Amino acid sequence: MAYSRVLDLPRPVESDLCAPDNASDPVLASRSECLEQVLQAFQDIADHDDIHQAARRLMLVQDWIRNEALQAAADPIFVDLRLV
């Protein structure tokens, strides 16, 4: 994997090549993808001062968290833990 350097922090070059603007509503499939988006949002702000890109990434994270919460609420294992 090729890396570029910004502020002496290595990051994958692929993050420069595939901006979420090109994709139509990407969906995060795993916790690791979610965490990667959070880290990239911090990087967008720290390295690029790009609050709009960070906001798009964090919206994906928020959607993932919402979907995970809905799936957990529908799981019969947690029936006794539901708030009434």
PDB file of N, CA and C in Angstrom:
ATOM      1  N   MET A   1       0.845  -1.172   0.000  1.00  0.00           N
ATOM      2  CA  MET A   1       0.000   0.000   0.000  1.00  0.00           C
ATOM      3  C   MET A   1       0.891   1.236   0.000  1.00  0.00           C
ATOM      4  N   ALA A   2       0.605   2.159  -0.888  1.00  0.00           N
ATOM      5  CA  ALA A   2       1.371   3.392  -0.967  1.00  0.00           C
ATOM      6  C   ALA A   2       0.882   4.371   0.099  1.00  0.00           C
ATOM      7  N   TYR A   3       1.808   5.173   0.611  1.00  0.00           N
ATOM      8  CA  TYR A   3       1.462   6.150   1.634  1.00  0.00           C
ATOM      9  C   TYR A   3       1.922   7.531   1.209  1.00  0.00           C
ATOM     10  N   SER A   4       1.183   8.520   1.607  1.00  0.00           N
ATOM     11  CA  SER A   4       1.610   9.905   1.434  1.00  0.00           C
ATOM     12  C   SER A   4       1.816  10.476   2.832  1.00  0.00           C
ATOM     13  N   ARG A   5       2.513  11.580   2.918  1.00  0.00           N
ATOM     14  CA  ARG A   5       2.766  12.170   4.239  1.00  0.00           C
ATOM     15  C   ARG A   5       2.230  13.592   4.277  1.00  0.00           C
ATOM     16  N   VAL A   6       1.459  13.853   5.322  1.00  0.00           N
ATOM     17  CA  VAL A   6       0.971  15.195   5.609  1.00  0.00           C
ATOM     18  C   VAL A   6       1.233  15.412   7.085  1.00  0.00           C
ATOM     19  N   LEU A   7       1.950  16.464   7.415  1.00  0.00           N
ATOM     20  CA  LEU A   7       2.333  16.721   8.798  1.00  0.00           C
ATOM     21  C   LEU A   7       3.063  15.528   9.416  1.00  0.00           C
ATOM     22  N   ASP A   8       3.870  14.848   8.626  1.00  0.00           N
ATOM     23  CA  ASP A   8       4.656  13.698   9.070  1.00  0.00           C
ATOM     24  C   ASP A   8       3.817  12.546   9.608  1.00  0.00           C
ATOM     25  N   LEU A   9       2.541  12.486   9.239  1.00  0.00           N
ATOM     26  CA  LEU A   9       1.684  11.368   9.618  1.00  0.00           C
ATOM     27  C   LEU A   9       1.396  10.549   8.374  1.00  0.00           C
ATOM     28  N   PRO A  10       1.767   9.264   8.366  1.00  0.00           N
ATOM     29  CA  PRO A  10       1.487   8.457   7.174  1.00  0.00           C
ATOM     30  C   PRO A  10      -0.010   8.210   7.031  1.00  0.00           C
ATOM     31  N   ARG A  11      -0.472   8.227   5.800  1.00  0.00           N
ATOM     32  CA  ARG A  11      -1.861   7.886   5.517  1.00  0.00           C
ATOM     33  C   ARG A  11      -1.909   7.269   4.131  1.00  0.00           C
ATOM     34  N   PRO A  12      -2.858   6.374   3.895  1.00  0.00           N
ATOM     35  CA  PRO A  12      -2.936   5.726   2.598  1.00  0.00           C
ATOM     36  C   PRO A  12      -3.236   6.717   1.486  1.00  0.00           C
ATOM     37  N   VAL A  13      -2.578   6.540   0.360  1.00  0.00           N
ATOM     38  CA  VAL A  13      -2.822   7.393  -0.805  1.00  0.00           C
ATOM     39  C   VAL A  13      -4.256   7.202  -1.305  1.00  0.00           C
ATOM     40  N   GLU A  14      -4.817   5.995  -1.111  1.00  0.00           N
ATOM     41  CA  GLU A  14      -6.177   5.726  -1.572  1.00  0.00           C
ATOM     42  C   GLU A  14      -7.176   6.713  -0.990  1.00  0.00           C
ATOM     43  N   SER A  15      -6.907   7.247   0.215  1.00  0.00           N
ATOM     44  CA  SER A  15      -7.840   8.203   0.806  1.00  0.00           C
ATOM     45  C   SER A  15      -7.889   9.489  -0.017  1.00  0.00           C
ATOM     46  N   ASP A  16      -6.816   9.788  -0.753  1.00  0.00           N
ATOM     47  CA  ASP A  16      -6.817  10.953  -1.634  1.00  0.00           C
ATOM     48  C   ASP A  16      -7.554  10.665  -2.933  1.00  0.00           C
ATOM     49  N   LEU A  17      -7.570   9.410  -3.339  1.00  0.00           N
ATOM     50  CA  LEU A  17      -8.103   9.051  -4.644  1.00  0.00           C
ATOM     51  C   LEU A  17      -9.607   8.808  -4.640  1.00  0.00           C
ATOM     52  N   CYS A  18     -10.147   8.347  -3.546  1.00  0.00           N
ATOM     53  CA  CYS A  18     -11.567   8.005  -3.542  1.00  0.00           C
ATOM     54  C   CYS A  18     -12.314   8.845  -2.527  1.00  0.00           C
ATOM     55  N   ALA A  19     -12.772   9.966  -2.952  1.00  0.00           N
ATOM     56  CA  ALA A  19     -13.543  10.853  -2.084  1.00  0.00           C
ATOM     57  C   ALA A  19     -14.986  10.392  -2.050  1.00  0.00           C
ATOM     58  N   PRO A  20     -15.659  10.515  -0.895  1.00  0.00           N
ATOM     59  CA  PRO A  20     -17.052  10.087  -0.793  1.00  0.00           C
ATOM     60  C   PRO A  20     -17.992  10.839  -1.729  1.00  0.00           C
ATOM     61  N   ASP A  21     -17.559  11.994  -2.279  1.00  0.00           N
ATOM     62  CA  ASP A  21     -18.405  12.716  -3.223  1.00  0.00           C
ATOM     63  C   ASP A  21     -18.681  11.877  -4.467  1.00  0.00           C
ATOM     64  N   ASN A  22     -17.727  11.007  -4.827  1.00  0.00           N
ATOM     65  CA  ASN A  22     -17.877  10.190  -6.019  1.00  0.00           C
ATOM     66  C   ASN A  22     -18.804   9.011  -5.798  1.00  0.00           C
ATOM     67  N   ALA A  23     -18.961   8.601  -4.564  1.00  0.00           N
ATOM     68  CA  ALA A  23     -19.805   7.445  -4.250  1.00  0.00           C
ATOM     69  C   ALA A  23     -21.209   7.932  -3.899  1.00  0.00           C
ATOM     70  N   SER A  24     -22.189   7.094  -4.179  1.00  0.00           N
ATOM     71  CA  SER A  24     -23.556   7.464  -3.845  1.00  0.00           C
ATOM     72  C   SER A  24     -23.951   6.763  -2.554  1.00  0.00           C
ATOM     73  N   ASP A  25     -24.023   7.519  -1.478  1.00  0.00           N
ATOM     74  CA  ASP A  25     -24.414   7.026  -0.173  1.00  0.00           C
ATOM     75  C   ASP A  25     -23.723   5.714   0.212  1.00  0.00           C
ATOM     76  N   PRO A  26     -22.421   5.748   0.458  1.00  0.00           N
ATOM     77  CA  PRO A  26     -21.758   4.519   0.883  1.00  0.00           C
ATOM     78  C   PRO A  26     -22.293   4.085   2.242  1.00  0.00           C
ATOM     79  N   VAL A  27     -22.280   2.795   2.486  1.00  0.00           N
ATOM     80  CA  VAL A  27     -22.781   2.243   3.737  1.00  0.00           C
ATOM     81  C   VAL A  27     -21.616   1.566   4.442  1.00  0.00           C
ATOM     82  N   LEU A  28     -21.474   1.836   5.720  1.00  0.00           N
ATOM     83  CA  LEU A  28     -20.422   1.197   6.496  1.00  0.00           C
ATOM     84  C   LEU A  28     -20.895  -0.191   6.895  1.00  0.00           C
ATOM     85  N   ALA A  29     -20.062  -1.176   6.647  1.00  0.00           N
ATOM     86  CA  ALA A  29     -20.472  -2.563   6.870  1.00  0.00           C
ATOM     87  C   ALA A  29     -19.947  -3.139   8.176  1.00  0.00           C
ATOM     88  N   SER A  30     -18.946  -2.521   8.769  1.00  0.00           N
ATOM     89  CA  SER A  30     -18.360  -3.119   9.972  1.00  0.00           C
ATOM     90  C   SER A  30     -17.909  -2.042  10.947  1.00  0.00           C
ATOM     91  N   ARG A  31     -17.624  -2.500  12.153  1.00  0.00           N
ATOM     92  CA  ARG A  31     -17.145  -1.587  13.183  1.00  0.00           C
ATOM     93  C   ARG A  31     -15.808  -0.982  12.782  1.00  0.00           C
ATOM     94  N   SER A  32     -14.953  -1.778  12.150  1.00  0.00           N
ATOM     95  CA  SER A  32     -13.646  -1.254  11.744  1.00  0.00           C
ATOM     96  C   SER A  32     -13.786  -0.165  10.685  1.00  0.00           C
ATOM     97  N   GLU A  33     -14.734  -0.321   9.756  1.00  0.00           N
ATOM     98  CA  GLU A  33     -14.978   0.737   8.770  1.00  0.00           C
ATOM     99  C   GLU A  33     -15.488   1.996   9.461  1.00  0.00           C
ATOM    100  N   CYS A  34     -16.324   1.815  10.463  1.00  0.00           N
ATOM    101  CA  CYS A  34     -16.851   2.940  11.220  1.00  0.00           C
ATOM    102  C   CYS A  34     -15.716   3.692  11.917  1.00  0.00           C
ATOM    103  N   LEU A  35     -14.851   2.963  12.591  1.00  0.00           N
ATOM    104  CA  LEU A  35     -13.731   3.584  13.281  1.00  0.00           C
ATOM    105  C   LEU A  35     -12.772   4.263  12.299  1.00  0.00           C
ATOM    106  N   GLU A  36     -12.590   3.658  11.147  1.00  0.00           N
ATOM    107  CA  GLU A  36     -11.736   4.259  10.114  1.00  0.00           C
ATOM    108  C   GLU A  36     -12.295   5.605   9.675  1.00  0.00           C
ATOM    109  N   GLN A  37     -13.606   5.695   9.522  1.00  0.00           N
ATOM    110  CA  GLN A  37     -14.234   6.951   9.124  1.00  0.00           C
ATOM    111  C   GLN A  37     -14.072   8.020  10.215  1.00  0.00           C
ATOM    112  N   VAL A  38     -14.164   7.615  11.480  1.00  0.00           N
ATOM    113  CA  VAL A  38     -13.967   8.560  12.580  1.00  0.00           C
ATOM    114  C   VAL A  38     -12.540   9.099  12.535  1.00  0.00           C
ATOM    115  N   LEU A  39     -11.565   8.214  12.367  1.00  0.00           N
ATOM    116  CA  LEU A  39     -10.171   8.644  12.298  1.00  0.00           C
ATOM    117  C   LEU A  39      -9.921   9.547  11.093  1.00  0.00           C
ATOM    118  N   GLN A  40     -10.513   9.203   9.958  1.00  0.00           N
ATOM    119  CA  GLN A  40     -10.337  10.038   8.769  1.00  0.00           C
ATOM    120  C   GLN A  40     -11.014  11.395   8.936  1.00  0.00           C
ATOM    121  N   ALA A  41     -12.102  11.443   9.688  1.00  0.00           N
ATOM    122  CA  ALA A  41     -12.757  12.731   9.959  1.00  0.00           C
ATOM    123  C   ALA A  41     -11.827  13.626  10.772  1.00  0.00           C
ATOM    124  N   PHE A  42     -11.173  13.056  11.782  1.00  0.00           N
ATOM    125  CA  PHE A  42     -10.201  13.833  12.548  1.00  0.00           C
ATOM    126  C   PHE A  42      -9.072  14.313  11.646  1.00  0.00           C
ATOM    127  N   GLN A  43      -8.625  13.442  10.756  1.00  0.00           N
ATOM    128  CA  GLN A  43      -7.545  13.799   9.837  1.00  0.00           C
ATOM    129  C   GLN A  43      -7.996  14.900   8.880  1.00  0.00           C
ATOM    130  N   ASP A  44      -9.227  14.820   8.414  1.00  0.00           N
ATOM    131  CA  ASP A  44      -9.745  15.869   7.526  1.00  0.00           C
ATOM    132  C   ASP A  44      -9.658  17.236   8.198  1.00  0.00           C
ATOM    133  N   ILE A  45      -9.977  17.275   9.464  1.00  0.00           N
ATOM    134  CA  ILE A  45      -9.959  18.550  10.188  1.00  0.00           C
ATOM    135  C   ILE A  45      -8.521  18.969  10.499  1.00  0.00           C
ATOM    136  N   ALA A  46      -7.718  18.051  11.011  1.00  0.00           N
ATOM    137  CA  ALA A  46      -6.363  18.393  11.432  1.00  0.00           C
ATOM    138  C   ALA A  46      -5.437  18.708  10.261  1.00  0.00           C
ATOM    139  N   ASP A  47      -5.473  17.889   9.228  1.00  0.00           N
ATOM    140  CA  ASP A  47      -4.516  18.045   8.128  1.00  0.00           C
ATOM    141  C   ASP A  47      -5.019  18.934   7.005  1.00  0.00           C
ATOM    142  N   HIS A  48      -6.304  18.860   6.727  1.00  0.00           N
ATOM    143  CA  HIS A  48      -6.833  19.550   5.554  1.00  0.00           C
ATOM    144  C   HIS A  48      -7.730  20.729   5.899  1.00  0.00           C
ATOM    145  N   ASP A  49      -8.082  20.880   7.173  1.00  0.00           N
ATOM    146  CA  ASP A  49      -9.021  21.905   7.611  1.00  0.00           C
ATOM    147  C   ASP A  49     -10.303  21.831   6.773  1.00  0.00           C
ATOM    148  N   ASP A  50     -10.769  20.596   6.562  1.00  0.00           N
ATOM    149  CA  ASP A  50     -11.941  20.350   5.713  1.00  0.00           C
ATOM    150  C   ASP A  50     -13.103  19.849   6.567  1.00  0.00           C
ATOM    151  N   ILE A  51     -13.832  20.778   7.149  1.00  0.00           N
ATOM    152  CA  ILE A  51     -14.921  20.425   8.051  1.00  0.00           C
ATOM    153  C   ILE A  51     -16.074  19.769   7.294  1.00  0.00           C
ATOM    154  N   HIS A  52     -16.254  20.113   6.038  1.00  0.00           N
ATOM    155  CA  HIS A  52     -17.351  19.531   5.254  1.00  0.00           C
ATOM    156  C   HIS A  52     -17.118  18.044   4.990  1.00  0.00           C
ATOM    157  N   GLN A  53     -15.902  17.682   4.636  1.00  0.00           N
ATOM    158  CA  GLN A  53     -15.564  16.270   4.431  1.00  0.00           C
ATOM    159  C   GLN A  53     -15.712  15.504   5.743  1.00  0.00           C
ATOM    160  N   ALA A  54     -15.233  16.101   6.829  1.00  0.00           N
ATOM    161  CA  ALA A  54     -15.362  15.454   8.137  1.00  0.00           C
ATOM    162  C   ALA A  54     -16.831  15.249   8.494  1.00  0.00           C
ATOM    163  N   ALA A  55     -17.669  16.220   8.204  1.00  0.00           N
ATOM    164  CA  ALA A  55     -19.105  16.103   8.497  1.00  0.00           C
ATOM    165  C   ALA A  55     -19.738  14.973   7.690  1.00  0.00           C
ATOM    166  N   ARG A  56     -19.344  14.825   6.429  1.00  0.00           N
ATOM    167  CA  ARG A  56     -19.879  13.721   5.611  1.00  0.00           C
ATOM    168  C   ARG A  56     -19.482  12.369   6.195  1.00  0.00           C
ATOM    169  N   ARG A  57     -18.238  12.275   6.620  1.00  0.00           N
ATOM    170  CA  ARG A  57     -17.777  11.016   7.218  1.00  0.00           C
ATOM    171  C   ARG A  57     -18.533  10.724   8.514  1.00  0.00           C
ATOM    172  N   LEU A  58     -18.722  11.743   9.336  1.00  0.00           N
ATOM    173  CA  LEU A  58     -19.401  11.542  10.613  1.00  0.00           C
ATOM    174  C   LEU A  58     -20.883  11.237  10.427  1.00  0.00           C
ATOM    175  N   MET A  59     -21.483  11.692   9.332  1.00  0.00           N
ATOM    176  CA  MET A  59     -22.868  11.312   9.035  1.00  0.00           C
ATOM    177  C   MET A  59     -22.950   9.817   8.740  1.00  0.00           C
ATOM    178  N   LEU A  60     -21.948   9.280   8.045  1.00  0.00           N
ATOM    179  CA  LEU A  60     -21.903   7.836   7.795  1.00  0.00           C
ATOM    180  C   LEU A  60     -21.794   7.070   9.111  1.00  0.00           C
ATOM    181  N   VAL A  61     -20.962   7.579  10.006  1.00  0.00           N
ATOM    182  CA  VAL A  61     -20.789   6.941  11.311  1.00  0.00           C
ATOM    183  C   VAL A  61     -22.099   6.981  12.088  1.00  0.00           C
ATOM    184  N   GLN A  62     -22.772   8.120  12.067  1.00  0.00           N
ATOM    185  CA  GLN A  62     -24.045   8.254  12.768  1.00  0.00           C
ATOM    186  C   GLN A  62     -25.077   7.272  12.209  1.00  0.00           C
ATOM    187  N   ASP A  63     -25.136   7.131  10.905  1.00  0.00           N
ATOM    188  CA  ASP A  63     -26.065   6.173  10.290  1.00  0.00           C
ATOM    189  C   ASP A  63     -25.729   4.749  10.711  1.00  0.00           C
ATOM    190  N   TRP A  64     -24.432   4.410  10.769  1.00  0.00           N
ATOM    191  CA  TRP A  64     -24.030   3.074  11.176  1.00  0.00           C
ATOM    192  C   TRP A  64     -24.457   2.798  12.620  1.00  0.00           C
ATOM    193  N   ILE A  65     -24.236   3.775  13.499  1.00  0.00           N
ATOM    194  CA  ILE A  65     -24.614   3.610  14.903  1.00  0.00           C
ATOM    195  C   ILE A  65     -26.128   3.439  15.026  1.00  0.00           C
ATOM    196  N   ARG A  66     -26.880   4.225  14.285  1.00  0.00           N
ATOM    197  CA  ARG A  66     -28.348   4.119  14.307  1.00  0.00           C
ATOM    198  C   ARG A  66     -28.799   2.729  13.845  1.00  0.00           C
ATOM    199  N   ASN A  67     -28.203   2.228  12.769  1.00  0.00           N
ATOM    200  CA  ASN A  67     -28.556   0.896  12.261  1.00  0.00           C
ATOM    201  C   ASN A  67     -28.193  -0.202  13.262  1.00  0.00           C
ATOM    202  N   GLU A  68     -27.035  -0.083  13.891  1.00  0.00           N
ATOM    203  CA  GLU A  68     -26.628  -1.064  14.897  1.00  0.00           C
ATOM    204  C   GLU A  68     -27.583  -1.050  16.093  1.00  0.00           C
ATOM    205  N   ALA A  69     -28.023   0.127  16.499  1.00  0.00           N
ATOM    206  CA  ALA A  69     -28.958   0.229  17.619  1.00  0.00           C
ATOM    207  C   ALA A  69     -30.302  -0.406  17.270  1.00  0.00           C
ATOM    208  N   LEU A  70     -30.758  -0.198  16.044  1.00  0.00           N
ATOM    209  CA  LEU A  70     -32.020  -0.811  15.615  1.00  0.00           C
ATOM    210  C   LEU A  70     -31.912  -2.331  15.576  1.00  0.00           C
ATOM    211  N   GLN A  71     -30.783  -2.835  15.101  1.00  0.00           N
ATOM    212  CA  GLN A  71     -30.585  -4.285  15.066  1.00  0.00           C
ATOM    213  C   GLN A  71     -30.518  -4.865  16.471  1.00  0.00           C
ATOM    214  N   ALA A  72     -29.864  -4.152  17.367  1.00  0.00           N
ATOM    215  CA  ALA A  72     -29.776  -4.627  18.749  1.00  0.00           C
ATOM    216  C   ALA A  72     -31.146  -4.603  19.416  1.00  0.00           C
ATOM    217  N   ALA A  73     -31.940  -3.586  19.120  1.00  0.00           N
ATOM    218  CA  ALA A  73     -33.282  -3.493  19.699  1.00  0.00           C
ATOM    219  C   ALA A  73     -34.180  -4.616  19.206  1.00  0.00           C
ATOM    220  N   ALA A  74     -33.944  -5.088  17.994  1.00  0.00           N
ATOM    221  CA  ALA A  74     -34.766  -6.156  17.423  1.00  0.00           C
ATOM    222  C   ALA A  74     -34.295  -7.544  17.856  1.00  0.00           C
ATOM    223  N   ASP A  75     -33.144  -7.623  18.492  1.00  0.00           N
ATOM    224  CA  ASP A  75     -32.593  -8.914  18.905  1.00  0.00           C
ATOM    225  C   ASP A  75     -33.356  -9.446  20.124  1.00  0.00           C
ATOM    226  N   PRO A  76     -33.898 -10.654  20.052  1.00  0.00           N
ATOM    227  CA  PRO A  76     -34.688 -11.197  21.168  1.00  0.00           C
ATOM    228  C   PRO A  76     -33.877 -11.413  22.451  1.00  0.00           C
ATOM    229  N   ILE A  77     -32.578 -11.454  22.353  1.00  0.00           N
ATOM    230  CA  ILE A  77     -31.741 -11.622  23.545  1.00  0.00           C
ATOM    231  C   ILE A  77     -31.916 -10.442  24.503  1.00  0.00           C
ATOM    232  N   PHE A  78     -32.190  -9.268  23.963  1.00  0.00           N
ATOM    233  CA  PHE A  78     -32.255  -8.066  24.771  1.00  0.00           C
ATOM    234  C   PHE A  78     -33.676  -7.685  25.189  1.00  0.00           C
ATOM    235  N   VAL A  79     -34.639  -8.585  25.051  1.00  0.00           N
ATOM    236  CA  VAL A  79     -36.031  -8.290  25.394  1.00  0.00           C
ATOM    237  C   VAL A  79     -36.152  -7.836  26.839  1.00  0.00           C
ATOM    238  N   ASP A  80     -35.476  -8.508  27.752  1.00  0.00           N
ATOM    239  CA  ASP A  80     -35.582  -8.173  29.176  1.00  0.00           C
ATOM    240  C   ASP A  80     -34.922  -6.851  29.521  1.00  0.00           C
ATOM    241  N   LEU A  81     -34.047  -6.352  28.659  1.00  0.00           N
ATOM    242  CA  LEU A  81     -33.337  -5.115  28.939  1.00  0.00           C
ATOM    243  C   LEU A  81     -34.016  -3.877  28.351  1.00  0.00           C
ATOM    244  N   ARG A  82     -35.096  -4.052  27.633  1.00  0.00           N
ATOM    245  CA  ARG A  82     -35.758  -2.914  27.000  1.00  0.00           C
ATOM    246  C   ARG A  82     -36.417  -2.022  28.041  1.00  0.00           C
ATOM    247  N   LEU A  83     -36.332  -0.729  27.783  1.00  0.00           N
ATOM    248  CA  LEU A  83     -37.002   0.232  28.663  1.00  0.00           C
ATOM    249  C   LEU A  83     -38.485   0.256  28.338  1.00  0.00           C
ATOM    250  N   VAL A  84     -39.288   0.361  29.366  1.00  0.00           N
ATOM    251  CA  VAL A  84     -40.736   0.380  29.175  1.00  0.00           C
ATOM    252  C   VAL A  84     -41.252   1.781  29.287  1.00  0.00           C
TER     253      VAL A  84
END
